[in-house]
Amino acid sequence: MDETIVTSSPVGKMLDSIGESKPASYLMFNKKKINLVAKITIGRETDNDIVVDNKLASRHHAIIQKIKDAYFLKDQNSTNGTFLNGTKLPSDKYVKLHPGDRITIGNMSLVIS
């Protein structure tokens, strides 16, 4: 028999299932669940999908955009920057999001789930 722990044992099957990543489907913000859609705008202005009541947020701060089967975050040339897991994003570049990622704008955080 040429089977490994991954294919034959209960532990291996469990490891296989842990390795399967589930796509992100919602965003947690102020203890609210927000479903991810094709495009979500974030900023201080009231015309955004997510309005951030914080002077450190720009009027149109960032967007979350669905491209194919994944979601990406892009800073919209904000004054104070957008942070993903503590790292400042380069302006105008899309960065892929994963479940558990934390987006920080000013003193507000959103979590991808």
N, C-alpha and C. Protein backbone atom coordinates (compact mmCIF):
# COMPACT_ATOMS: atom_id res chain seq x y z
N MET A 1 0.82 -1.19 0.00
CA MET A 1 0.00 0.00 0.00
C MET A 1 0.87 1.25 0.00
N ASP A 2 0.48 2.20 -0.82
CA ASP A 2 1.26 3.43 -0.94
C ASP A 2 0.41 4.63 -0.51
N GLU A 3 -0.08 4.59 0.75
CA GLU A 3 -0.91 5.67 1.24
C GLU A 3 -0.16 6.46 2.30
N THR A 4 -0.42 7.72 2.35
CA THR A 4 0.21 8.57 3.36
C THR A 4 -0.81 8.92 4.42
N ILE A 5 -0.34 9.59 5.46
CA ILE A 5 -1.24 10.01 6.54
C ILE A 5 -2.35 10.92 6.02
N VAL A 6 -2.04 11.70 4.99
CA VAL A 6 -3.03 12.65 4.47
C VAL A 6 -4.21 11.93 3.82
N THR A 7 -3.98 10.82 3.18
CA THR A 7 -5.06 10.16 2.46
C THR A 7 -5.71 9.01 3.23
N SER A 8 -5.05 8.45 4.23
CA SER A 8 -5.61 7.23 4.81
C SER A 8 -6.15 7.37 6.22
N SER A 9 -5.57 8.19 7.05
CA SER A 9 -5.97 8.21 8.46
C SER A 9 -7.00 9.30 8.74
N PRO A 10 -7.72 9.15 9.85
CA PRO A 10 -8.66 10.20 10.25
C PRO A 10 -7.95 11.55 10.46
N VAL A 11 -6.74 11.50 11.02
CA VAL A 11 -5.98 12.74 11.22
C VAL A 11 -5.65 13.37 9.87
N GLY A 12 -5.25 12.55 8.92
CA GLY A 12 -4.92 13.04 7.59
C GLY A 12 -6.13 13.67 6.91
N LYS A 13 -7.28 13.04 7.04
CA LYS A 13 -8.50 13.59 6.45
C LYS A 13 -8.86 14.92 7.09
N MET A 14 -8.65 15.02 8.42
CA MET A 14 -8.92 16.28 9.10
C MET A 14 -7.95 17.36 8.62
N LEU A 15 -6.68 17.02 8.45
CA LEU A 15 -5.69 17.98 7.95
C LEU A 15 -6.06 18.45 6.55
N ASP A 16 -6.56 17.54 5.74
CA ASP A 16 -6.99 17.90 4.40
C ASP A 16 -8.11 18.93 4.44
N SER A 17 -9.08 18.72 5.33
CA SER A 17 -10.21 19.65 5.40
C SER A 17 -9.79 21.00 5.96
N ILE A 18 -8.80 21.02 6.86
CA ILE A 18 -8.31 22.29 7.39
C ILE A 18 -7.63 23.09 6.28
N GLY A 19 -6.96 22.41 5.38
CA GLY A 19 -6.25 23.06 4.29
C GLY A 19 -7.17 23.73 3.28
N GLU A 20 -8.42 23.30 3.21
CA GLU A 20 -9.37 23.90 2.27
C GLU A 20 -9.78 25.26 2.80
N SER A 21 -9.51 26.31 2.04
CA SER A 21 -9.88 27.63 2.52
C SER A 21 -11.26 28.00 2.00
N LYS A 22 -12.06 28.51 2.90
CA LYS A 22 -13.40 28.96 2.52
C LYS A 22 -13.30 30.43 2.11
N PRO A 23 -13.98 30.81 1.05
CA PRO A 23 -13.90 32.21 0.60
C PRO A 23 -14.58 33.14 1.61
N ALA A 24 -14.07 34.36 1.67
CA ALA A 24 -14.67 35.36 2.54
C ALA A 24 -16.08 35.67 2.04
N SER A 25 -17.01 35.88 2.97
CA SER A 25 -18.36 36.18 2.54
C SER A 25 -18.97 37.40 3.23
N TYR A 26 -18.34 37.86 4.30
CA TYR A 26 -18.86 39.04 4.97
C TYR A 26 -17.76 39.79 5.71
N LEU A 27 -18.13 40.98 6.17
CA LEU A 27 -17.24 41.90 6.84
C LEU A 27 -17.86 42.22 8.19
N MET A 28 -17.09 42.21 9.27
CA MET A 28 -17.59 42.59 10.59
C MET A 28 -17.17 44.04 10.87
N PHE A 29 -18.15 44.89 11.18
CA PHE A 29 -17.92 46.30 11.43
C PHE A 29 -18.88 46.76 12.52
N ASN A 30 -18.36 47.28 13.63
CA ASN A 30 -19.20 47.71 14.76
C ASN A 30 -20.17 46.62 15.21
N LYS A 31 -19.68 45.40 15.30
CA LYS A 31 -20.46 44.23 15.72
C LYS A 31 -21.61 43.91 14.77
N LYS A 32 -21.52 44.40 13.53
CA LYS A 32 -22.52 44.11 12.52
C LYS A 32 -21.89 43.31 11.40
N LYS A 33 -22.66 42.41 10.84
CA LYS A 33 -22.20 41.59 9.72
C LYS A 33 -22.68 42.26 8.42
N ILE A 34 -21.71 42.58 7.54
CA ILE A 34 -22.02 43.20 6.26
C ILE A 34 -21.62 42.23 5.16
N ASN A 35 -22.60 41.79 4.36
CA ASN A 35 -22.30 40.87 3.27
C ASN A 35 -21.41 41.53 2.23
N LEU A 36 -20.43 40.77 1.75
CA LEU A 36 -19.56 41.29 0.70
C LEU A 36 -20.30 41.22 -0.63
N VAL A 37 -20.26 42.31 -1.36
CA VAL A 37 -20.88 42.40 -2.68
C VAL A 37 -19.80 42.78 -3.68
N ALA A 38 -20.17 43.05 -4.93
CA ALA A 38 -19.20 43.32 -5.98
C ALA A 38 -18.28 44.49 -5.67
N LYS A 39 -18.82 45.54 -5.02
CA LYS A 39 -17.99 46.70 -4.69
C LYS A 39 -18.54 47.37 -3.43
N ILE A 40 -17.66 47.64 -2.48
CA ILE A 40 -18.04 48.33 -1.24
C ILE A 40 -17.12 49.52 -1.08
N THR A 41 -17.70 50.70 -0.94
CA THR A 41 -16.90 51.90 -0.71
C THR A 41 -16.88 52.21 0.79
N ILE A 42 -15.74 52.72 1.26
CA ILE A 42 -15.55 53.02 2.68
C ILE A 42 -15.01 54.44 2.81
N GLY A 43 -15.61 55.23 3.68
CA GLY A 43 -15.11 56.58 3.91
C GLY A 43 -16.00 57.39 4.81
N ARG A 44 -15.64 58.65 5.01
CA ARG A 44 -16.36 59.54 5.91
C ARG A 44 -17.62 60.13 5.29
N GLU A 45 -17.65 60.28 3.98
CA GLU A 45 -18.79 60.88 3.27
C GLU A 45 -20.00 59.94 3.33
N THR A 46 -21.19 60.50 3.40
CA THR A 46 -22.41 59.69 3.56
C THR A 46 -22.79 58.89 2.31
N ASP A 47 -22.15 59.16 1.16
CA ASP A 47 -22.48 58.38 -0.04
C ASP A 47 -21.72 57.06 -0.11
N ASN A 48 -20.89 56.73 0.90
CA ASN A 48 -20.18 55.46 0.95
C ASN A 48 -21.09 54.34 1.45
N ASP A 49 -20.76 53.11 1.09
CA ASP A 49 -21.51 51.96 1.60
C ASP A 49 -21.27 51.78 3.10
N ILE A 50 -20.03 51.98 3.53
CA ILE A 50 -19.68 51.95 4.95
C ILE A 50 -19.18 53.34 5.32
N VAL A 51 -19.94 54.01 6.19
CA VAL A 51 -19.57 55.37 6.60
C VAL A 51 -18.78 55.28 7.91
N VAL A 52 -17.57 55.85 7.89
CA VAL A 52 -16.68 55.84 9.04
C VAL A 52 -16.73 57.22 9.69
N ASP A 53 -17.26 57.28 10.89
CA ASP A 53 -17.38 58.54 11.61
C ASP A 53 -16.08 58.78 12.38
N ASN A 54 -15.05 59.23 11.64
CA ASN A 54 -13.73 59.40 12.23
C ASN A 54 -12.97 60.43 11.41
N LYS A 55 -12.40 61.43 12.07
CA LYS A 55 -11.69 62.49 11.35
C LYS A 55 -10.43 61.98 10.65
N LEU A 56 -9.92 60.82 11.04
CA LEU A 56 -8.73 60.25 10.40
C LEU A 56 -9.07 59.57 9.07
N ALA A 57 -10.36 59.38 8.81
CA ALA A 57 -10.79 58.77 7.54
C ALA A 57 -11.01 59.85 6.50
N SER A 58 -10.61 59.56 5.28
CA SER A 58 -10.86 60.49 4.17
C SER A 58 -12.31 60.35 3.73
N ARG A 59 -12.79 61.34 2.96
CA ARG A 59 -14.18 61.29 2.49
C ARG A 59 -14.44 60.02 1.69
N HIS A 60 -13.54 59.66 0.80
CA HIS A 60 -13.61 58.40 0.04
C HIS A 60 -12.28 57.71 0.26
N HIS A 61 -12.23 56.86 1.27
CA HIS A 61 -10.98 56.34 1.81
C HIS A 61 -10.48 55.08 1.09
N ALA A 62 -11.34 54.08 0.96
CA ALA A 62 -10.91 52.79 0.39
C ALA A 62 -12.09 52.09 -0.25
N ILE A 63 -11.79 51.07 -1.06
CA ILE A 63 -12.85 50.22 -1.63
C ILE A 63 -12.46 48.76 -1.48
N ILE A 64 -13.49 47.93 -1.38
CA ILE A 64 -13.33 46.48 -1.47
C ILE A 64 -14.01 46.08 -2.75
N GLN A 65 -13.28 45.43 -3.63
CA GLN A 65 -13.77 45.09 -4.97
C GLN A 65 -13.66 43.60 -5.19
N LYS A 66 -14.72 43.01 -5.73
CA LYS A 66 -14.67 41.59 -6.10
C LYS A 66 -14.11 41.49 -7.51
N ILE A 67 -13.06 40.70 -7.67
CA ILE A 67 -12.46 40.44 -8.98
C ILE A 67 -12.40 38.92 -9.14
N LYS A 68 -13.13 38.42 -10.12
CA LYS A 68 -13.32 36.98 -10.31
C LYS A 68 -13.92 36.40 -9.04
N ASP A 69 -13.24 35.48 -8.37
CA ASP A 69 -13.80 34.84 -7.18
C ASP A 69 -13.15 35.31 -5.88
N ALA A 70 -12.43 36.43 -5.91
CA ALA A 70 -11.73 36.92 -4.72
C ALA A 70 -12.06 38.39 -4.48
N TYR A 71 -11.82 38.82 -3.24
CA TYR A 71 -12.04 40.22 -2.87
C TYR A 71 -10.70 40.90 -2.66
N PHE A 72 -10.63 42.16 -3.08
CA PHE A 72 -9.40 42.94 -2.99
C PHE A 72 -9.70 44.28 -2.33
N LEU A 73 -8.72 44.80 -1.61
CA LEU A 73 -8.82 46.09 -0.94
C LEU A 73 -7.91 47.07 -1.66
N LYS A 74 -8.39 48.31 -1.82
CA LYS A 74 -7.61 49.34 -2.49
C LYS A 74 -7.77 50.66 -1.74
N ASP A 75 -6.65 51.29 -1.38
CA ASP A 75 -6.68 52.61 -0.77
C ASP A 75 -6.94 53.63 -1.87
N GLN A 76 -7.82 54.59 -1.61
CA GLN A 76 -8.21 55.58 -2.62
C GLN A 76 -7.42 56.88 -2.43
N ASN A 77 -6.09 56.77 -2.32
CA ASN A 77 -5.23 57.93 -2.10
C ASN A 77 -5.66 58.71 -0.85
N SER A 78 -5.97 57.99 0.21
CA SER A 78 -6.41 58.63 1.45
C SER A 78 -5.25 59.39 2.11
N THR A 79 -5.61 60.35 2.93
CA THR A 79 -4.60 61.17 3.61
C THR A 79 -3.80 60.37 4.63
N ASN A 80 -4.48 59.57 5.44
CA ASN A 80 -3.82 58.86 6.54
C ASN A 80 -3.55 57.38 6.26
N GLY A 81 -3.94 56.90 5.11
CA GLY A 81 -3.64 55.53 4.72
C GLY A 81 -4.63 54.50 5.22
N THR A 82 -4.58 53.34 4.57
CA THR A 82 -5.38 52.18 4.91
C THR A 82 -4.41 51.08 5.31
N PHE A 83 -4.72 50.38 6.39
CA PHE A 83 -3.82 49.34 6.89
C PHE A 83 -4.50 47.98 6.82
N LEU A 84 -3.75 46.98 6.38
CA LEU A 84 -4.23 45.60 6.32
C LEU A 84 -3.32 44.78 7.21
N ASN A 85 -3.88 44.25 8.29
CA ASN A 85 -3.13 43.47 9.27
C ASN A 85 -1.91 44.24 9.77
N GLY A 86 -2.08 45.56 9.97
CA GLY A 86 -1.02 46.40 10.52
C GLY A 86 -0.04 46.98 9.52
N THR A 87 -0.15 46.59 8.25
CA THR A 87 0.75 47.07 7.21
C THR A 87 0.03 48.08 6.33
N LYS A 88 0.68 49.25 6.14
CA LYS A 88 0.07 50.28 5.31
C LYS A 88 0.06 49.85 3.85
N LEU A 89 -1.11 50.00 3.20
CA LEU A 89 -1.24 49.64 1.79
C LEU A 89 -0.64 50.72 0.90
N PRO A 90 -0.03 50.32 -0.19
CA PRO A 90 0.39 51.33 -1.17
C PRO A 90 -0.87 51.92 -1.82
N SER A 91 -0.83 53.22 -2.10
CA SER A 91 -2.00 53.86 -2.73
C SER A 91 -2.24 53.30 -4.12
N ASP A 92 -3.51 53.15 -4.46
CA ASP A 92 -3.95 52.72 -5.79
C ASP A 92 -3.48 51.34 -6.22
N LYS A 93 -3.20 50.43 -5.27
CA LYS A 93 -2.86 49.05 -5.61
C LYS A 93 -3.86 48.14 -4.92
N TYR A 94 -4.33 47.13 -5.65
CA TYR A 94 -5.25 46.16 -5.09
C TYR A 94 -4.47 45.09 -4.31
N VAL A 95 -4.96 44.77 -3.10
CA VAL A 95 -4.36 43.74 -2.27
C VAL A 95 -5.44 42.71 -1.95
N LYS A 96 -5.13 41.44 -2.20
CA LYS A 96 -6.11 40.36 -1.98
C LYS A 96 -6.43 40.19 -0.51
N LEU A 97 -7.72 40.01 -0.21
CA LEU A 97 -8.18 39.80 1.15
C LEU A 97 -8.41 38.32 1.43
N HIS A 98 -8.19 37.93 2.67
CA HIS A 98 -8.38 36.55 3.12
C HIS A 98 -9.21 36.56 4.41
N PRO A 99 -9.94 35.48 4.69
CA PRO A 99 -10.69 35.42 5.94
C PRO A 99 -9.76 35.67 7.14
N GLY A 100 -10.22 36.51 8.06
CA GLY A 100 -9.43 36.85 9.24
C GLY A 100 -8.61 38.12 9.09
N ASP A 101 -8.51 38.66 7.87
CA ASP A 101 -7.77 39.90 7.67
C ASP A 101 -8.45 41.05 8.39
N ARG A 102 -7.63 41.96 8.94
CA ARG A 102 -8.14 43.13 9.65
C ARG A 102 -7.77 44.39 8.87
N ILE A 103 -8.79 45.14 8.49
CA ILE A 103 -8.62 46.41 7.79
C ILE A 103 -8.76 47.52 8.84
N THR A 104 -7.77 48.43 8.88
CA THR A 104 -7.83 49.53 9.84
C THR A 104 -7.82 50.86 9.08
N ILE A 105 -8.82 51.68 9.41
CA ILE A 105 -8.95 53.03 8.85
C ILE A 105 -9.14 53.95 10.04
N GLY A 106 -8.15 54.81 10.29
CA GLY A 106 -8.18 55.65 11.49
C GLY A 106 -8.11 54.76 12.72
N ASN A 107 -9.07 54.91 13.63
CA ASN A 107 -9.09 54.04 14.81
C ASN A 107 -10.21 52.99 14.71
N MET A 108 -10.70 52.75 13.50
CA MET A 108 -11.78 51.81 13.25
C MET A 108 -11.24 50.57 12.53
N SER A 109 -11.70 49.39 12.94
CA SER A 109 -11.27 48.16 12.30
C SER A 109 -12.45 47.39 11.73
N LEU A 110 -12.20 46.73 10.59
CA LEU A 110 -13.17 45.84 9.96
C LEU A 110 -12.46 44.50 9.81
N VAL A 111 -13.18 43.41 10.00
CA VAL A 111 -12.58 42.08 9.90
C VAL A 111 -13.29 41.30 8.81
N ILE A 112 -12.49 40.70 7.92
CA ILE A 112 -13.02 39.86 6.84
C ILE A 112 -13.31 38.48 7.42
N SER A 113 -14.51 37.96 7.20
CA SER A 113 -14.87 36.64 7.73
C SER A 113 -15.52 35.80 6.65
